[in-house]
Amino acid sequence: MSIQTSPTKTTWTRVFQHPQARIKPLDADTLHEARTCLVYENGQSVAQLKRCGQRCWGVYPTGMTIPAAFGASSLEAVTTWMSSRDGAAA
């Protein structure tokens, strides 16, 4: 008897206030377990999320080494960053 398993599926998380954005964990199966994630907007990678403590996340926009925003969760950090970025562009 053989058991076939399907390949691992990547879990994407939608940023509710910004429906064009998705978060993809890089080093774990779920966002909750991850320490590093990529933020995609309209299919392109725009930032990296890094856990910087047990309950803190930093958003590093592409090409930057200094975080642009922080949050208590990955979703909060991305929402804060995107809202401030979108507000500055308006």
C-alpha atoms as a PDB file:
ATOM      1  CA  MET A   1       0.000   0.000   0.000  1.00  0.00           C
ATOM      2  CA  SER A   2       1.413   3.381  -0.948  1.00  0.00           C
ATOM      3  CA  ILE A   3       0.393   6.712   0.424  1.00  0.00           C
ATOM      4  CA  GLN A   4       0.750   9.724  -1.802  1.00  0.00           C
ATOM      5  CA  THR A   5       0.853  13.122  -0.259  1.00  0.00           C
ATOM      6  CA  SER A   6       0.323  16.437  -1.926  1.00  0.00           C
ATOM      7  CA  PRO A   7       3.117  19.001  -1.994  1.00  0.00           C
ATOM      8  CA  THR A   8       3.160  21.577   0.782  1.00  0.00           C
ATOM      9  CA  LYS A   9       0.781  24.430   0.127  1.00  0.00           C
ATOM     10  CA  THR A  10       1.877  27.982   0.777  1.00  0.00           C
ATOM     11  CA  THR A  11      -0.377  29.848   3.165  1.00  0.00           C
ATOM     12  CA  TRP A  12      -1.076  33.433   2.110  1.00  0.00           C
ATOM     13  CA  THR A  13      -2.704  35.932   4.423  1.00  0.00           C
ATOM     14  CA  ARG A  14      -4.764  38.821   3.116  1.00  0.00           C
ATOM     15  CA  VAL A  15      -4.368  42.294   4.628  1.00  0.00           C
ATOM     16  CA  PHE A  16      -8.027  43.225   5.073  1.00  0.00           C
ATOM     17  CA  GLN A  17      -7.688  47.017   4.894  1.00  0.00           C
ATOM     18  CA  HIS A  18      -5.539  46.615   1.757  1.00  0.00           C
ATOM     19  CA  PRO A  19      -7.104  43.841  -0.363  1.00  0.00           C
ATOM     20  CA  GLN A  20      -4.340  44.067  -2.987  1.00  0.00           C
ATOM     21  CA  ALA A  21      -1.757  42.958  -0.384  1.00  0.00           C
ATOM     22  CA  ARG A  22      -0.841  39.440   0.721  1.00  0.00           C
ATOM     23  CA  ILE A  23       1.649  38.119   3.296  1.00  0.00           C
ATOM     24  CA  LYS A  24       3.601  34.934   2.586  1.00  0.00           C
ATOM     25  CA  PRO A  25       5.547  33.199   5.396  1.00  0.00           C
ATOM     26  CA  LEU A  26       9.074  32.196   4.353  1.00  0.00           C
ATOM     27  CA  ASP A  27      10.306  29.976   7.165  1.00  0.00           C
ATOM     28  CA  ALA A  28       7.139  28.267   8.422  1.00  0.00           C
ATOM     29  CA  ASP A  29       3.843  26.886   7.205  1.00  0.00           C
ATOM     30  CA  THR A  30       1.729  29.552   8.891  1.00  0.00           C
ATOM     31  CA  LEU A  31       2.012  33.256   9.578  1.00  0.00           C
ATOM     32  CA  HIS A  32       1.663  32.612  13.313  1.00  0.00           C
ATOM     33  CA  GLU A  33       4.786  30.378  13.344  1.00  0.00           C
ATOM     34  CA  ALA A  34       6.885  32.438  10.931  1.00  0.00           C
ATOM     35  CA  ARG A  35       9.791  34.704  11.813  1.00  0.00           C
ATOM     36  CA  THR A  36      10.229  36.133   8.306  1.00  0.00           C
ATOM     37  CA  CYS A  37       7.607  36.891   5.643  1.00  0.00           C
ATOM     38  CA  LEU A  38       7.304  38.674   2.330  1.00  0.00           C
ATOM     39  CA  VAL A  39       4.634  41.263   1.602  1.00  0.00           C
ATOM     40  CA  TYR A  40       3.241  41.209  -1.921  1.00  0.00           C
ATOM     41  CA  GLU A  41       1.175  43.973  -3.457  1.00  0.00           C
ATOM     42  CA  ASN A  42      -0.521  43.342  -6.802  1.00  0.00           C
ATOM     43  CA  GLY A  43       1.691  40.273  -7.269  1.00  0.00           C
ATOM     44  CA  GLN A  44       5.039  42.011  -6.626  1.00  0.00           C
ATOM     45  CA  SER A  45       7.191  41.757  -3.510  1.00  0.00           C
ATOM     46  CA  VAL A  46       7.227  45.190  -1.848  1.00  0.00           C
ATOM     47  CA  ALA A  47       8.556  44.507   1.658  1.00  0.00           C
ATOM     48  CA  GLN A  48       9.894  41.951   4.085  1.00  0.00           C
ATOM     49  CA  LEU A  49       8.448  41.349   7.531  1.00  0.00           C
ATOM     50  CA  LYS A  50      10.749  40.265  10.341  1.00  0.00           C
ATOM     51  CA  ARG A  51       9.871  39.279  13.866  1.00  0.00           C
ATOM     52  CA  CYS A  52      11.915  41.518  16.167  1.00  0.00           C
ATOM     53  CA  GLY A  53      10.739  40.117  19.479  1.00  0.00           C
ATOM     54  CA  GLN A  54       8.135  37.791  20.829  1.00  0.00           C
ATOM     55  CA  ARG A  55       5.326  40.255  20.061  1.00  0.00           C
ATOM     56  CA  CYS A  56       6.834  42.720  17.626  1.00  0.00           C
ATOM     57  CA  TRP A  57       7.161  42.791  13.842  1.00  0.00           C
ATOM     58  CA  GLY A  58       9.087  45.218  11.655  1.00  0.00           C
ATOM     59  CA  VAL A  59       8.340  46.074   8.010  1.00  0.00           C
ATOM     60  CA  TYR A  60      11.392  46.500   5.786  1.00  0.00           C
ATOM     61  CA  PRO A  61      10.410  47.930   2.380  1.00  0.00           C
ATOM     62  CA  THR A  62      12.335  46.491  -0.564  1.00  0.00           C
ATOM     63  CA  GLY A  63      15.859  47.893  -0.648  1.00  0.00           C
ATOM     64  CA  MET A  64      15.781  49.278   2.904  1.00  0.00           C
ATOM     65  CA  THR A  65      17.688  48.010   5.929  1.00  0.00           C
ATOM     66  CA  ILE A  66      15.827  50.158   8.462  1.00  0.00           C
ATOM     67  CA  PRO A  67      12.247  49.211   9.345  1.00  0.00           C
ATOM     68  CA  ALA A  68       9.579  51.643   8.164  1.00  0.00           C
ATOM     69  CA  ALA A  69       6.897  50.498  10.629  1.00  0.00           C
ATOM     70  CA  PHE A  70       6.336  48.223  13.606  1.00  0.00           C
ATOM     71  CA  GLY A  71       3.340  46.375  14.972  1.00  0.00           C
ATOM     72  CA  ALA A  72       2.329  43.898  17.646  1.00  0.00           C
ATOM     73  CA  SER A  73       1.393  41.451  14.882  1.00  0.00           C
ATOM     74  CA  SER A  74       2.462  41.025  11.289  1.00  0.00           C
ATOM     75  CA  LEU A  75      -0.947  42.208  10.070  1.00  0.00           C
ATOM     76  CA  GLU A  76      -0.822  45.290  12.278  1.00  0.00           C
ATOM     77  CA  ALA A  77       2.683  46.165  11.081  1.00  0.00           C
ATOM     78  CA  VAL A  78       1.768  45.844   7.395  1.00  0.00           C
ATOM     79  CA  THR A  79      -1.503  47.733   7.840  1.00  0.00           C
ATOM     80  CA  THR A  80       0.281  50.584   9.654  1.00  0.00           C
ATOM     81  CA  TRP A  81       3.003  50.765   7.007  1.00  0.00           C
ATOM     82  CA  MET A  82       0.628  50.654   4.030  1.00  0.00           C
ATOM     83  CA  SER A  83      -1.749  53.196   5.583  1.00  0.00           C
ATOM     84  CA  SER A  84       1.057  55.673   6.297  1.00  0.00           C
ATOM     85  CA  ARG A  85       2.540  55.095   2.854  1.00  0.00           C
ATOM     86  CA  ASP A  86      -0.811  55.545   1.109  1.00  0.00           C
ATOM     87  CA  GLY A  87      -1.556  58.631   3.245  1.00  0.00           C
ATOM     88  CA  ALA A  88       1.775  60.216   2.308  1.00  0.00           C
ATOM     89  CA  ALA A  89       1.092  59.636  -1.388  1.00  0.00           C
ATOM     90  CA  ALA A  90      -2.312  61.327  -1.239  1.00  0.00           C
END
